[in-house]
Amino acid sequence: MRLIDDNDLNAAVAANILERGQVDRLLAFLSTREGPARPTRFDSSHILWYAGALIIIGAMGLFTTLAFDAMGGKALTITALIYAAIAGTLAHLLWNRPGLRAPAGLLIAVAVSMTPLAIFGVQASFDLWPTGFEEPAAYGAFYDWINASWVYMEIGTIVVGLVAIRFYPFPCIAAIIAIALWFLSMDLAAWFFGGDNWSWQIREDVSMWFGLALMVAACALDLRKWPAGDFAFWLHLCGVVAFWGGLTAHDSDSEVAKAIYCLINIALILLAVFLMRRVYAVFGAIGVACYLGYLADEVFADSLLFPIALSAVGLGIIGAGIFYFRRRSQIMAWLAANLPPTLQRLRPAHARHLG
């Protein structure tokens, strides 16, 4: 739903829809209300803030080198605690300053992201690895190697993230918690099945079902109003990435299975309209495109008419997008009037109010 500003109200007065006195009283009333500030636009400053936070998180995670690990476990823990202390102190100083809550929240996210490194250092120093599993050679493998030895690091990250979000409610912290939960689901499954039985098929299934569970949790979170920000967005994003990634990774020779894959992606697009969450439409559209690409490359490789028919389908989709863009309010109103009450209650507030 588009935010209304003073220019909109003045235009309504000029069009004789509202009276000047009504507008003045409305503005005076709104100025006395306590509530969340209007969300700021994602501008160049936000790009720099997020880029800086991602660089720090990447530098202390994905891009750590063997020389970094050579410092030893105790040094790694001390380094992580120093980073977390500096980031947390800066965040606390910026948190209540006007317009600087975003960089403050990102610094809190940086501090939380130091948790697995700190725990890794403790485990490496005192050899606190689960028995029966290969001991990690380097911290950087935490992000690309499924291993039950990471479980304590993931649990610690989730706990620290929940504590941080309690005192500094910033939505991006939810993304770190969601990713840690995803990692935890994979590593617990590896622990449960054991190294010999841990196949790619099981990994794909675990990722898909965990993603589906996270999507359900995001929908439940969406039904509550969170003045501090859109926490559900990050759960939706992480959930659909895990679900869609696991689903797409399934390799089946069955044409029926591939058609079902396409239908599931179409359902994601419809879910995007139902929930007014564009992230589902993005992944759904990519999935449909993958299926159509498969048809063009494998099924209709020798067909002259298939590219023409596919182009017509593409034009039809563009036309449907234009139709939806122009009639979105009417479509949302139709949904509000015709959906059963049970389904209406499952829609978040921003979707019920005409998108």
Protein backbone atom coordinates (compact mmCIF):
# COMPACT_ATOMS: atom_id res chain seq x y z
CA MET A 1 0.00 0.00 0.00
CA ARG A 2 1.44 3.37 -1.04
CA LEU A 3 2.29 5.84 1.71
CA ILE A 4 0.33 9.10 1.65
CA ASP A 5 2.25 12.35 2.12
CA ASP A 6 1.34 16.03 2.43
CA ASN A 7 1.29 16.48 -1.34
CA ASP A 8 -1.41 13.82 -1.66
CA LEU A 9 -3.54 15.53 0.97
CA ASN A 10 -3.10 18.93 -0.68
CA ALA A 11 -4.11 17.41 -4.01
CA ALA A 12 -7.23 15.98 -2.37
CA VAL A 13 -8.09 19.46 -1.07
CA ALA A 14 -7.57 20.97 -4.53
CA ALA A 15 -9.88 18.33 -6.00
CA ASN A 16 -12.55 19.17 -3.38
CA ILE A 17 -12.38 15.65 -1.96
CA LEU A 18 -11.26 16.89 1.46
CA GLU A 19 -11.62 20.21 3.21
CA ARG A 20 -8.57 22.15 4.39
CA GLY A 21 -9.79 22.02 7.98
CA GLN A 22 -10.07 18.23 7.84
CA VAL A 23 -6.51 17.93 6.55
CA ASP A 24 -5.16 20.26 9.24
CA ARG A 25 -6.93 18.34 12.00
CA LEU A 26 -5.72 15.03 10.57
CA LEU A 27 -2.10 16.21 10.45
CA ALA A 28 -2.35 17.58 13.99
CA PHE A 29 -3.76 14.27 15.20
CA LEU A 30 -1.08 12.21 13.47
CA SER A 31 1.69 14.39 14.87
CA THR A 32 0.63 13.47 18.42
CA ARG A 33 0.46 9.73 17.80
CA GLU A 34 3.26 7.48 19.01
CA GLY A 35 4.21 4.87 16.50
CA PRO A 36 6.87 3.71 14.12
CA ALA A 37 8.53 6.28 11.98
CA ARG A 38 7.87 6.24 8.28
CA PRO A 39 10.19 3.68 6.70
CA THR A 40 13.10 5.26 4.93
CA ARG A 41 13.78 4.59 1.28
CA PHE A 42 16.50 2.18 0.31
CA ASP A 43 18.85 4.78 -1.14
CA SER A 44 22.58 5.01 -1.82
CA SER A 45 23.35 5.35 1.89
CA HIS A 46 21.60 2.07 2.62
CA ILE A 47 23.53 0.36 -0.20
CA LEU A 48 26.80 1.52 1.37
CA TRP A 49 25.70 0.45 4.85
CA TYR A 50 24.65 -3.03 3.73
CA ALA A 51 27.73 -3.42 1.52
CA GLY A 52 30.02 -2.51 4.40
CA ALA A 53 28.31 -4.94 6.77
CA LEU A 54 28.45 -7.75 4.20
CA ILE A 55 32.14 -7.10 3.57
CA ILE A 56 32.90 -7.38 7.29
CA ILE A 57 30.81 -10.53 7.68
CA GLY A 58 32.42 -12.03 4.58
CA ALA A 59 35.92 -11.08 5.68
CA MET A 60 35.44 -12.85 9.00
CA GLY A 61 33.59 -15.82 7.50
CA LEU A 62 33.50 -16.85 3.87
CA PHE A 63 36.86 -15.33 2.96
CA THR A 64 38.96 -16.32 5.95
CA THR A 65 42.28 -17.87 4.92
CA LEU A 66 44.40 -20.71 6.24
CA ALA A 67 46.79 -18.11 7.64
CA PHE A 68 43.88 -16.75 9.66
CA ASP A 69 43.19 -20.20 11.14
CA ALA A 70 46.90 -20.62 11.90
CA MET A 71 46.56 -18.05 14.71
CA GLY A 72 45.06 -20.77 16.87
CA GLY A 73 41.70 -21.26 18.55
CA LYS A 74 42.22 -18.84 21.44
CA ALA A 75 43.32 -16.05 19.10
CA LEU A 76 40.28 -16.66 16.89
CA THR A 77 37.94 -16.38 19.87
CA ILE A 78 39.62 -13.21 21.11
CA THR A 79 39.47 -11.71 17.61
CA ALA A 80 35.76 -12.51 17.32
CA LEU A 81 35.02 -11.00 20.73
CA ILE A 82 36.96 -7.83 19.88
CA TYR A 83 35.09 -7.45 16.59
CA ALA A 84 31.76 -8.07 18.31
CA ALA A 85 32.56 -5.59 21.09
CA ILE A 86 33.56 -2.84 18.65
CA ALA A 87 30.53 -3.42 16.42
CA GLY A 88 28.16 -3.62 19.39
CA THR A 89 29.54 -0.45 20.99
CA LEU A 90 29.23 1.53 17.76
CA ALA A 91 25.72 0.18 17.24
CA HIS A 92 24.66 1.20 20.73
CA LEU A 93 25.96 4.73 20.17
CA LEU A 94 24.09 5.04 16.85
CA TRP A 95 20.88 3.22 17.76
CA ASN A 96 18.89 6.19 19.04
CA ARG A 97 20.31 8.79 16.66
CA PRO A 98 17.83 10.03 14.03
CA GLY A 99 18.17 8.28 10.70
CA LEU A 100 20.99 5.98 11.81
CA ARG A 101 19.07 2.96 13.07
CA ALA A 102 19.84 1.01 9.88
CA PRO A 103 23.66 1.17 10.21
CA ALA A 104 23.27 0.51 13.94
CA GLY A 105 21.18 -2.58 13.28
CA LEU A 106 23.64 -3.80 10.67
CA LEU A 107 26.47 -3.43 13.17
CA ILE A 108 24.47 -5.55 15.62
CA ALA A 109 24.12 -8.12 12.83
CA VAL A 110 27.91 -8.00 12.36
CA ALA A 111 28.38 -8.61 16.09
CA VAL A 112 25.99 -11.59 16.00
CA SER A 113 27.82 -13.02 12.98
CA MET A 114 31.01 -13.24 15.06
CA THR A 115 29.39 -15.90 17.28
CA PRO A 116 30.31 -18.98 15.21
CA LEU A 117 33.93 -17.81 14.96
CA ALA A 118 34.14 -17.34 18.73
CA ILE A 119 32.66 -20.79 19.39
CA PHE A 120 34.89 -22.37 16.74
CA GLY A 121 37.91 -20.97 18.53
CA VAL A 122 36.77 -22.44 21.84
CA GLN A 123 36.09 -25.83 20.26
CA ALA A 124 39.45 -25.83 18.48
CA SER A 125 41.31 -24.84 21.65
CA PHE A 126 39.81 -27.53 23.87
CA ASP A 127 39.07 -30.14 21.18
CA LEU A 128 35.33 -30.03 21.85
CA TRP A 129 34.24 -31.69 18.63
CA PRO A 130 31.44 -34.30 18.50
CA THR A 131 32.81 -37.82 18.45
CA GLY A 132 32.48 -39.83 15.29
CA PHE A 133 32.75 -36.89 12.90
CA GLU A 134 35.65 -35.42 11.00
CA GLU A 135 37.29 -32.48 12.75
CA PRO A 136 37.07 -29.30 10.65
CA ALA A 137 40.40 -28.19 9.25
CA ALA A 138 39.48 -24.51 8.86
CA TYR A 139 36.76 -22.12 9.97
CA GLY A 140 35.99 -21.06 6.38
CA ALA A 141 34.56 -24.53 5.71
CA PHE A 142 31.65 -23.67 8.02
CA TYR A 143 29.85 -22.00 5.13
CA ASP A 144 30.21 -24.70 2.46
CA TRP A 145 30.72 -28.02 4.26
CA ILE A 146 27.88 -29.89 5.95
CA ASN A 147 29.30 -31.39 9.14
CA ALA A 148 27.75 -32.23 12.50
CA SER A 149 30.76 -30.59 14.17
CA TRP A 150 29.20 -27.18 13.42
CA VAL A 151 26.05 -27.79 15.49
CA TYR A 152 27.23 -25.95 18.62
CA MET A 153 28.28 -22.94 16.56
CA GLU A 154 24.85 -22.75 14.93
CA ILE A 155 22.95 -23.13 18.20
CA GLY A 156 25.09 -20.40 19.76
CA THR A 157 24.45 -18.08 16.82
CA ILE A 158 20.70 -18.61 17.09
CA VAL A 159 20.70 -17.90 20.84
CA VAL A 160 22.85 -14.77 20.50
CA GLY A 161 20.71 -13.59 17.59
CA LEU A 162 17.51 -13.96 19.60
CA VAL A 163 19.01 -12.02 22.50
CA ALA A 164 20.24 -9.29 20.14
CA ILE A 165 16.89 -8.95 18.41
CA ARG A 166 15.20 -8.66 21.81
CA PHE A 167 17.19 -5.55 22.74
CA TYR A 168 17.88 -4.19 19.25
CA PRO A 169 14.88 -5.13 17.09
CA PHE A 170 16.29 -4.88 13.57
CA PRO A 171 14.91 -7.13 10.80
CA CYS A 172 18.25 -8.06 9.21
CA ILE A 173 19.24 -9.95 12.36
CA ALA A 174 16.40 -12.35 11.56
CA ALA A 175 18.24 -13.27 8.35
CA ILE A 176 21.29 -14.43 10.32
CA ILE A 177 19.05 -16.48 12.62
CA ALA A 178 17.25 -18.02 9.63
CA ILE A 179 20.52 -18.94 7.89
CA ALA A 180 21.87 -20.46 11.12
CA LEU A 181 18.65 -22.49 11.43
CA TRP A 182 19.07 -23.70 7.85
CA PHE A 183 22.67 -24.74 8.53
CA LEU A 184 21.55 -26.41 11.76
CA SER A 185 18.86 -28.43 9.99
CA MET A 186 21.41 -29.75 7.48
CA ASP A 187 24.05 -30.56 10.10
CA LEU A 188 21.58 -32.21 12.48
CA ALA A 189 20.39 -34.37 9.60
CA ALA A 190 24.01 -35.31 8.88
CA TRP A 191 24.40 -36.19 12.57
CA PHE A 192 21.22 -38.26 12.54
CA PHE A 193 21.86 -40.17 9.30
CA GLY A 194 25.61 -40.49 9.76
CA GLY A 195 28.32 -39.82 7.22
CA ASP A 196 27.85 -43.07 5.27
CA ASN A 197 24.13 -42.54 4.67
CA TRP A 198 24.26 -38.79 4.04
CA SER A 199 23.40 -38.59 0.33
CA TRP A 200 22.63 -35.61 -1.87
CA GLN A 201 19.02 -36.79 -2.06
CA ILE A 202 18.69 -36.43 1.71
CA ARG A 203 20.33 -32.99 1.63
CA GLU A 204 17.87 -31.81 -0.99
CA ASP A 205 14.92 -33.17 0.97
CA VAL A 206 16.08 -31.59 4.23
CA SER A 207 16.63 -28.22 2.56
CA MET A 208 13.24 -28.35 0.85
CA TRP A 209 11.26 -29.30 3.95
CA PHE A 210 13.12 -26.87 6.17
CA GLY A 211 12.47 -24.09 3.65
CA LEU A 212 8.79 -24.97 3.61
CA ALA A 213 8.67 -24.86 7.41
CA LEU A 214 10.42 -21.48 7.41
CA MET A 215 7.92 -20.15 4.86
CA VAL A 216 5.06 -21.24 7.13
CA ALA A 217 6.76 -19.54 10.08
CA ALA A 218 7.18 -16.37 8.01
CA CYS A 219 3.49 -16.41 7.12
CA ALA A 220 2.60 -16.78 10.81
CA LEU A 221 4.92 -13.90 11.66
CA ASP A 222 3.31 -11.84 8.90
CA LEU A 223 -0.04 -12.06 10.66
CA ARG A 224 1.35 -10.05 13.57
CA LYS A 225 2.15 -6.36 13.39
CA TRP A 226 5.79 -5.52 14.10
CA PRO A 227 6.32 -1.76 14.48
CA ALA A 228 10.10 -2.20 14.53
CA GLY A 229 10.27 -3.46 10.95
CA ASP A 230 9.47 -6.20 8.47
CA PHE A 231 11.02 -9.20 10.20
CA ALA A 232 8.97 -11.65 8.13
CA PHE A 233 10.62 -10.54 4.88
CA TRP A 234 13.93 -12.19 5.75
CA LEU A 235 12.22 -15.40 6.79
CA HIS A 236 10.25 -15.43 3.53
CA LEU A 237 13.48 -14.86 1.59
CA CYS A 238 15.54 -17.51 3.40
CA GLY A 239 12.62 -19.93 3.37
CA VAL A 240 11.95 -19.71 -0.36
CA VAL A 241 15.68 -19.93 -1.15
CA ALA A 242 16.00 -23.15 0.90
CA PHE A 243 12.75 -24.61 -0.44
CA TRP A 244 13.26 -23.66 -4.07
CA GLY A 245 16.92 -24.64 -4.00
CA GLY A 246 16.15 -28.10 -2.63
CA LEU A 247 13.24 -28.52 -5.03
CA THR A 248 15.24 -27.46 -8.08
CA ALA A 249 18.20 -29.66 -7.13
CA HIS A 250 16.01 -32.77 -7.38
CA ASP A 251 16.93 -34.55 -10.59
CA SER A 252 14.21 -36.74 -12.03
CA ASP A 253 13.83 -38.29 -15.47
CA SER A 254 10.06 -38.36 -15.10
CA GLU A 255 8.16 -35.91 -17.28
CA VAL A 256 5.37 -35.93 -14.70
CA ALA A 257 7.79 -34.88 -11.96
CA LYS A 258 9.13 -32.06 -14.11
CA ALA A 259 5.58 -30.88 -14.88
CA ILE A 260 4.78 -30.94 -11.15
CA TYR A 261 7.91 -28.84 -10.59
CA CYS A 262 6.51 -26.27 -13.02
CA LEU A 263 3.12 -26.31 -11.28
CA ILE A 264 4.76 -25.75 -7.90
CA ASN A 265 6.56 -22.71 -9.31
CA ILE A 266 3.28 -21.39 -10.71
CA ALA A 267 1.83 -21.88 -7.22
CA LEU A 268 4.69 -19.75 -5.84
CA ILE A 269 3.69 -16.95 -8.22
CA LEU A 270 0.07 -17.19 -7.04
CA LEU A 271 1.30 -17.25 -3.44
CA ALA A 272 3.13 -13.99 -4.14
CA VAL A 273 -0.21 -12.39 -5.07
CA PHE A 274 -1.98 -13.92 -2.07
CA LEU A 275 0.64 -12.74 0.42
CA MET A 276 1.83 -9.66 -1.52
CA ARG A 277 5.40 -10.96 -1.23
CA ARG A 278 7.26 -10.46 -4.51
CA VAL A 279 10.11 -12.78 -3.57
CA TYR A 280 7.88 -15.80 -4.30
CA ALA A 281 7.06 -14.44 -7.75
CA VAL A 282 10.77 -14.02 -8.52
CA PHE A 283 11.68 -17.62 -7.71
CA GLY A 284 8.47 -18.95 -9.22
CA ALA A 285 9.18 -17.16 -12.49
CA ILE A 286 12.75 -18.48 -12.54
CA GLY A 287 11.44 -22.01 -11.96
CA VAL A 288 8.91 -21.75 -14.78
CA ALA A 289 11.64 -20.39 -17.05
CA CYS A 290 13.86 -23.37 -16.14
CA TYR A 291 11.07 -25.77 -17.06
CA LEU A 292 10.40 -24.03 -20.36
CA GLY A 293 14.12 -24.08 -21.08
CA TYR A 294 14.12 -27.81 -20.46
CA LEU A 295 11.23 -28.26 -22.90
CA ALA A 296 13.04 -26.24 -25.55
CA ASP A 297 16.32 -28.10 -25.08
CA GLU A 298 15.13 -31.67 -24.59
CA VAL A 299 11.50 -32.27 -25.52
CA PHE A 300 10.98 -29.95 -28.49
CA ALA A 301 14.57 -29.64 -29.68
CA ASP A 302 13.60 -30.40 -33.30
CA SER A 303 10.38 -28.41 -33.35
CA LEU A 304 10.24 -25.29 -35.52
CA LEU A 305 7.05 -23.98 -33.96
CA PHE A 306 8.05 -24.33 -30.30
CA PRO A 307 10.19 -21.14 -30.14
CA ILE A 308 7.34 -19.23 -31.77
CA ALA A 309 4.80 -20.67 -29.34
CA LEU A 310 7.14 -19.95 -26.43
CA SER A 311 7.52 -16.35 -27.59
CA ALA A 312 3.74 -16.06 -27.67
CA VAL A 313 3.61 -17.37 -24.11
CA GLY A 314 6.19 -14.76 -23.10
CA LEU A 315 4.13 -11.98 -24.67
CA GLY A 316 1.07 -13.32 -22.89
CA ILE A 317 2.88 -13.22 -19.55
CA ILE A 318 3.97 -9.62 -20.20
CA GLY A 319 0.37 -8.78 -21.04
CA ALA A 320 -0.81 -10.44 -17.84
CA GLY A 321 1.72 -8.36 -15.92
CA ILE A 322 0.43 -5.16 -17.51
CA PHE A 323 -3.15 -6.19 -16.75
CA TYR A 324 -2.25 -6.89 -13.12
CA PHE A 325 -0.37 -3.59 -12.84
CA ARG A 326 -3.38 -1.62 -14.06
CA ARG A 327 -6.04 -3.62 -12.22
CA ARG A 328 -4.22 -4.54 -9.03
CA SER A 329 -6.63 -2.68 -6.77
CA GLN A 330 -9.63 -4.32 -8.43
CA ILE A 331 -8.00 -7.76 -8.23
CA MET A 332 -7.21 -7.29 -4.55
CA ALA A 333 -10.76 -6.06 -3.93
CA TRP A 334 -12.14 -9.13 -5.72
CA LEU A 335 -9.98 -11.40 -3.59
CA ALA A 336 -11.14 -9.61 -0.44
CA ALA A 337 -14.77 -10.07 -1.47
CA ASN A 338 -14.61 -13.66 -2.70
CA LEU A 339 -12.01 -15.49 -0.64
CA PRO A 340 -13.45 -17.62 2.17
CA PRO A 341 -13.06 -16.08 5.63
CA THR A 342 -10.57 -18.80 6.58
CA LEU A 343 -8.24 -17.81 3.74
CA GLN A 344 -8.76 -14.12 4.45
CA ARG A 345 -7.47 -14.60 7.96
CA LEU A 346 -4.32 -16.20 6.55
CA ARG A 347 -3.44 -13.08 4.56
CA PRO A 348 -1.17 -10.50 6.22
CA ALA A 349 -2.57 -7.04 6.91
CA HIS A 350 -0.63 -5.37 4.09
CA ALA A 351 -2.15 -7.86 1.61
CA ARG A 352 -5.70 -7.39 2.88
CA HIS A 353 -5.49 -3.64 2.41
CA LEU A 354 -5.47 -3.83 -1.39
CA GLY A 355 -1.73 -4.54 -1.60
